[in-house]
Amino acid sequence: RDYLRGSGGARAVGALTAAFLLAL
């Protein structure tokens, strides 16, 4: 939540993180 703030492509990475967890 704090690590991604201000980093490149943060919103897309956050969404893909959920997709990764759903795949697991």
PDB file of all heavy atoms in Angstrom:
ATOM      1  N   ARG A   1       0.833  -1.216   0.000  1.00  0.00           N
ATOM      2  CA  ARG A   1       0.000   0.000   0.000  1.00  0.00           C
ATOM      3  C   ARG A   1       0.862   1.257   0.000  1.00  0.00           C
ATOM      4  O   ARG A   1       0.540   2.238  -0.671  1.00  0.00           O
ATOM      5  CB  ARG A   1      -0.934  -0.006   1.221  1.00  0.00           C
ATOM      6  CG  ARG A   1      -2.000  -1.085   1.173  1.00  0.00           C
ATOM      7  CD  ARG A   1      -2.875  -1.025   2.416  1.00  0.00           C
ATOM      8  NE  ARG A   1      -3.724   0.142   2.386  1.00  0.00           N
ATOM      9  CZ  ARG A   1      -3.920   0.969   3.412  1.00  0.00           C
ATOM     10  NH1 ARG A   1      -3.270   0.766   4.553  1.00  0.00           N
ATOM     11  NH2 ARG A   1      -4.721   2.002   3.306  1.00  0.00           N
ATOM     12  N   ASP A   2       1.943   1.267   0.766  1.00  0.00           N
ATOM     13  CA  ASP A   2       2.842   2.417   0.769  1.00  0.00           C
ATOM     14  C   ASP A   2       3.985   2.257  -0.230  1.00  0.00           C
ATOM     15  O   ASP A   2       4.476   3.240  -0.779  1.00  0.00           O
ATOM     16  CB  ASP A   2       3.420   2.636   2.173  1.00  0.00           C
ATOM     17  CG  ASP A   2       2.376   3.128   3.153  1.00  0.00           C
ATOM     18  OD1 ASP A   2       1.606   4.037   2.777  1.00  0.00           O
ATOM     19  OD2 ASP A   2       2.316   2.610   4.281  1.00  0.00           O
ATOM     20  N   TYR A   3       4.405   1.014  -0.470  1.00  0.00           N
ATOM     21  CA  TYR A   3       5.535   0.776  -1.363  1.00  0.00           C
ATOM     22  C   TYR A   3       5.217   1.193  -2.797  1.00  0.00           C
ATOM     23  O   TYR A   3       6.066   1.761  -3.494  1.00  0.00           O
ATOM     24  CB  TYR A   3       5.916  -0.711  -1.304  1.00  0.00           C
ATOM     25  CG  TYR A   3       6.995  -1.101  -2.280  1.00  0.00           C
ATOM     26  CD1 TYR A   3       8.329  -0.836  -2.009  1.00  0.00           C
ATOM     27  CD2 TYR A   3       6.680  -1.758  -3.471  1.00  0.00           C
ATOM     28  CE1 TYR A   3       9.325  -1.204  -2.900  1.00  0.00           C
ATOM     29  CE2 TYR A   3       7.664  -2.129  -4.362  1.00  0.00           C
ATOM     30  CZ  TYR A   3       8.984  -1.844  -4.078  1.00  0.00           C
ATOM     31  OH  TYR A   3       9.961  -2.223  -4.978  1.00  0.00           O
ATOM     32  N   LEU A   4       3.991   0.905  -3.269  1.00  0.00           N
ATOM     33  CA  LEU A   4       3.646   1.191  -4.657  1.00  0.00           C
ATOM     34  C   LEU A   4       3.295   2.654  -4.891  1.00  0.00           C
ATOM     35  O   LEU A   4       3.269   3.104  -6.037  1.00  0.00           O
ATOM     36  CB  LEU A   4       2.472   0.314  -5.098  1.00  0.00           C
ATOM     37  CG  LEU A   4       2.778  -1.166  -5.368  1.00  0.00           C
ATOM     38  CD1 LEU A   4       1.508  -1.901  -5.737  1.00  0.00           C
ATOM     39  CD2 LEU A   4       3.819  -1.304  -6.469  1.00  0.00           C
ATOM     40  N   ARG A   5       3.003   3.381  -3.840  1.00  0.00           N
ATOM     41  CA  ARG A   5       2.572   4.761  -4.000  1.00  0.00           C
ATOM     42  C   ARG A   5       3.678   5.586  -4.656  1.00  0.00           C
ATOM     43  O   ARG A   5       4.807   5.656  -4.176  1.00  0.00           O
ATOM     44  CB  ARG A   5       2.207   5.355  -2.642  1.00  0.00           C
ATOM     45  CG  ARG A   5       1.577   6.733  -2.712  1.00  0.00           C
ATOM     46  CD  ARG A   5       0.966   7.107  -1.376  1.00  0.00           C
ATOM     47  NE  ARG A   5       1.902   6.924  -0.261  1.00  0.00           N
ATOM     48  CZ  ARG A   5       1.583   7.124   0.999  1.00  0.00           C
ATOM     49  NH1 ARG A   5       0.353   7.475   1.318  1.00  0.00           N
ATOM     50  NH2 ARG A   5       2.485   6.953   1.948  1.00  0.00           N
ATOM     51  N   GLY A   6       3.351   6.187  -5.785  1.00  0.00           N
ATOM     52  CA  GLY A   6       4.305   7.029  -6.492  1.00  0.00           C
ATOM     53  C   GLY A   6       5.226   6.287  -7.434  1.00  0.00           C
ATOM     54  O   GLY A   6       6.035   6.921  -8.136  1.00  0.00           O
ATOM     55  N   SER A   7       5.140   4.956  -7.503  1.00  0.00           N
ATOM     56  CA  SER A   7       6.005   4.202  -8.406  1.00  0.00           C
ATOM     57  C   SER A   7       5.354   4.072  -9.778  1.00  0.00           C
ATOM     58  O   SER A   7       4.148   4.284  -9.940  1.00  0.00           O
ATOM     59  CB  SER A   7       6.296   2.816  -7.832  1.00  0.00           C
ATOM     60  OG  SER A   7       5.107   2.084  -7.639  1.00  0.00           O
ATOM     61  N   GLY A   8       6.150   3.714 -10.768  1.00  0.00           N
ATOM     62  CA  GLY A   8       5.658   3.620 -12.138  1.00  0.00           C
ATOM     63  C   GLY A   8       4.639   2.513 -12.319  1.00  0.00           C
ATOM     64  O   GLY A   8       4.848   1.386 -11.867  1.00  0.00           O
ATOM     65  N   GLY A   9       3.534   2.831 -12.997  1.00  0.00           N
ATOM     66  CA  GLY A   9       2.503   1.831 -13.265  1.00  0.00           C
ATOM     67  C   GLY A   9       1.880   1.248 -12.021  1.00  0.00           C
ATOM     68  O   GLY A   9       1.451   0.083 -12.021  1.00  0.00           O
ATOM     69  N   ALA A  10       1.772   2.043 -10.945  1.00  0.00           N
ATOM     70  CA  ALA A  10       1.342   1.507  -9.651  1.00  0.00           C
ATOM     71  C   ALA A  10      -0.066   0.915  -9.722  1.00  0.00           C
ATOM     72  O   ALA A  10      -0.323  -0.154  -9.154  1.00  0.00           O
ATOM     73  CB  ALA A  10       1.404   2.601  -8.589  1.00  0.00           C
ATOM     74  N   ARG A  11      -0.987   1.594 -10.396  1.00  0.00           N
ATOM     75  CA  ARG A  11      -2.362   1.088 -10.424  1.00  0.00           C
ATOM     76  C   ARG A  11      -2.442  -0.241 -11.166  1.00  0.00           C
ATOM     77  O   ARG A  11      -3.129  -1.172 -10.714  1.00  0.00           O
ATOM     78  CB  ARG A  11      -3.280   2.118 -11.069  1.00  0.00           C
ATOM     79  CG  ARG A  11      -3.599   3.299 -10.155  1.00  0.00           C
ATOM     80  CD  ARG A  11      -4.652   4.187 -10.770  1.00  0.00           C
ATOM     81  NE  ARG A  11      -4.143   4.898 -11.943  1.00  0.00           N
ATOM     82  CZ  ARG A  11      -4.887   5.369 -12.930  1.00  0.00           C
ATOM     83  NH1 ARG A  11      -6.194   5.186 -12.902  1.00  0.00           N
ATOM     84  NH2 ARG A  11      -4.346   6.023 -13.925  1.00  0.00           N
ATOM     85  N   ALA A  12      -1.745  -0.341 -12.291  1.00  0.00           N
ATOM     86  CA  ALA A  12      -1.754  -1.596 -13.045  1.00  0.00           C
ATOM     87  C   ALA A  12      -1.095  -2.713 -12.244  1.00  0.00           C
ATOM     88  O   ALA A  12      -1.588  -3.847 -12.215  1.00  0.00           O
ATOM     89  CB  ALA A  12      -1.040  -1.412 -14.378  1.00  0.00           C
ATOM     90  N   VAL A  13       0.005  -2.413 -11.577  1.00  0.00           N
ATOM     91  CA  VAL A  13       0.680  -3.426 -10.765  1.00  0.00           C
ATOM     92  C   VAL A  13      -0.211  -3.871  -9.616  1.00  0.00           C
ATOM     93  O   VAL A  13      -0.290  -5.063  -9.290  1.00  0.00           O
ATOM     94  CB  VAL A  13       2.032  -2.888 -10.237  1.00  0.00           C
ATOM     95  CG1 VAL A  13       2.647  -3.863  -9.241  1.00  0.00           C
ATOM     96  CG2 VAL A  13       2.993  -2.639 -11.392  1.00  0.00           C
ATOM     97  N   GLY A  14      -0.928  -2.927  -8.996  1.00  0.00           N
ATOM     98  CA  GLY A  14      -1.850  -3.285  -7.922  1.00  0.00           C
ATOM     99  C   GLY A  14      -2.956  -4.211  -8.396  1.00  0.00           C
ATOM    100  O   GLY A  14      -3.313  -5.176  -7.707  1.00  0.00           O
ATOM    101  N   ALA A  15      -3.508  -3.929  -9.578  1.00  0.00           N
ATOM    102  CA  ALA A  15      -4.551  -4.791 -10.126  1.00  0.00           C
ATOM    103  C   ALA A  15      -4.000  -6.163 -10.499  1.00  0.00           C
ATOM    104  O   ALA A  15      -4.630  -7.199 -10.249  1.00  0.00           O
ATOM    105  CB  ALA A  15      -5.183  -4.124 -11.344  1.00  0.00           C
ATOM    106  N   LEU A  16      -2.801  -6.185 -11.089  1.00  0.00           N
ATOM    107  CA  LEU A  16      -2.193  -7.459 -11.469  1.00  0.00           C
ATOM    108  C   LEU A  16      -1.799  -8.285 -10.244  1.00  0.00           C
ATOM    109  O   LEU A  16      -1.756  -9.513 -10.314  1.00  0.00           O
ATOM    110  CB  LEU A  16      -0.977  -7.198 -12.357  1.00  0.00           C
ATOM    111  CG  LEU A  16      -1.296  -6.705 -13.769  1.00  0.00           C
ATOM    112  CD1 LEU A  16      -0.032  -6.223 -14.479  1.00  0.00           C
ATOM    113  CD2 LEU A  16      -1.968  -7.809 -14.583  1.00  0.00           C
ATOM    114  N   THR A  17      -1.512  -7.612  -9.139  1.00  0.00           N
ATOM    115  CA  THR A  17      -1.237  -8.348  -7.907  1.00  0.00           C
ATOM    116  C   THR A  17      -2.447  -9.171  -7.494  1.00  0.00           C
ATOM    117  O   THR A  17      -2.315 -10.338  -7.091  1.00  0.00           O
ATOM    118  CB  THR A  17      -0.842  -7.380  -6.780  1.00  0.00           C
ATOM    119  OG1 THR A  17       0.338  -6.659  -7.159  1.00  0.00           O
ATOM    120  CG2 THR A  17      -0.579  -8.120  -5.480  1.00  0.00           C
ATOM    121  N   ALA A  18      -3.637  -8.588  -7.593  1.00  0.00           N
ATOM    122  CA  ALA A  18      -4.857  -9.337  -7.274  1.00  0.00           C
ATOM    123  C   ALA A  18      -5.048 -10.504  -8.235  1.00  0.00           C
ATOM    124  O   ALA A  18      -5.424 -11.613  -7.821  1.00  0.00           O
ATOM    125  CB  ALA A  18      -6.066  -8.408  -7.319  1.00  0.00           C
ATOM    126  N   ALA A  19      -4.779 -10.273  -9.522  1.00  0.00           N
ATOM    127  CA  ALA A  19      -4.909 -11.351 -10.498  1.00  0.00           C
ATOM    128  C   ALA A  19      -3.924 -12.482 -10.208  1.00  0.00           C
ATOM    129  O   ALA A  19      -4.255 -13.668 -10.350  1.00  0.00           O
ATOM    130  CB  ALA A  19      -4.681 -10.805 -11.907  1.00  0.00           C
ATOM    131  N   PHE A  20      -2.712 -12.126  -9.789  1.00  0.00           N
ATOM    132  CA  PHE A  20      -1.707 -13.126  -9.442  1.00  0.00           C
ATOM    133  C   PHE A  20      -2.171 -13.962  -8.246  1.00  0.00           C
ATOM    134  O   PHE A  20      -2.073 -15.199  -8.250  1.00  0.00           O
ATOM    135  CB  PHE A  20      -0.391 -12.420  -9.139  1.00  0.00           C
ATOM    136  CG  PHE A  20       0.767 -13.329  -8.831  1.00  0.00           C
ATOM    137  CD1 PHE A  20       0.943 -14.519  -9.512  1.00  0.00           C
ATOM    138  CD2 PHE A  20       1.689 -12.983  -7.857  1.00  0.00           C
ATOM    139  CE1 PHE A  20       2.013 -15.360  -9.236  1.00  0.00           C
ATOM    140  CE2 PHE A  20       2.769 -13.797  -7.568  1.00  0.00           C
ATOM    141  CZ  PHE A  20       2.927 -14.996  -8.256  1.00  0.00           C
ATOM    142  N   LEU A  21      -2.692 -13.298  -7.226  1.00  0.00           N
ATOM    143  CA  LEU A  21      -3.175 -14.021  -6.056  1.00  0.00           C
ATOM    144  C   LEU A  21      -4.368 -14.918  -6.400  1.00  0.00           C
ATOM    145  O   LEU A  21      -4.472 -16.047  -5.907  1.00  0.00           O
ATOM    146  CB  LEU A  21      -3.553 -13.039  -4.947  1.00  0.00           C
ATOM    147  CG  LEU A  21      -2.374 -12.297  -4.303  1.00  0.00           C
ATOM    148  CD1 LEU A  21      -2.878 -11.165  -3.410  1.00  0.00           C
ATOM    149  CD2 LEU A  21      -1.520 -13.266  -3.494  1.00  0.00           C
ATOM    150  N   LEU A  22      -5.256 -14.441  -7.249  1.00  0.00           N
ATOM    151  CA  LEU A  22      -6.385 -15.269  -7.676  1.00  0.00           C
ATOM    152  C   LEU A  22      -5.898 -16.494  -8.449  1.00  0.00           C
ATOM    153  O   LEU A  22      -6.470 -17.585  -8.320  1.00  0.00           O
ATOM    154  CB  LEU A  22      -7.340 -14.448  -8.541  1.00  0.00           C
ATOM    155  CG  LEU A  22      -8.266 -13.486  -7.791  1.00  0.00           C
ATOM    156  CD1 LEU A  22      -8.989 -12.564  -8.768  1.00  0.00           C
ATOM    157  CD2 LEU A  22      -9.272 -14.257  -6.938  1.00  0.00           C
ATOM    158  N   ALA A  23      -4.840 -16.313  -9.249  1.00  0.00           N
ATOM    159  CA  ALA A  23      -4.289 -17.457  -9.981  1.00  0.00           C
ATOM    160  C   ALA A  23      -3.703 -18.492  -9.019  1.00  0.00           C
ATOM    161  O   ALA A  23      -3.897 -19.705  -9.194  1.00  0.00           O
ATOM    162  CB  ALA A  23      -3.222 -16.976 -10.965  1.00  0.00           C
ATOM    163  N   LEU A  24      -2.993 -18.025  -7.997  1.00  0.00           N
ATOM    164  CA  LEU A  24      -2.443 -18.943  -6.998  1.00  0.00           C
ATOM    165  C   LEU A  24      -3.559 -19.701  -6.276  1.00  0.00           C
ATOM    166  O   LEU A  24      -3.473 -20.919  -6.086  1.00  0.00           O
ATOM    167  CB  LEU A  24      -1.592 -18.170  -5.993  1.00  0.00           C
ATOM    168  CG  LEU A  24      -0.295 -17.535  -6.525  1.00  0.00           C
ATOM    169  CD1 LEU A  24       0.308 -16.608  -5.469  1.00  0.00           C
ATOM    170  CD2 LEU A  24       0.711 -18.601  -6.922  1.00  0.00           C
TER     171      LEU A  24
END
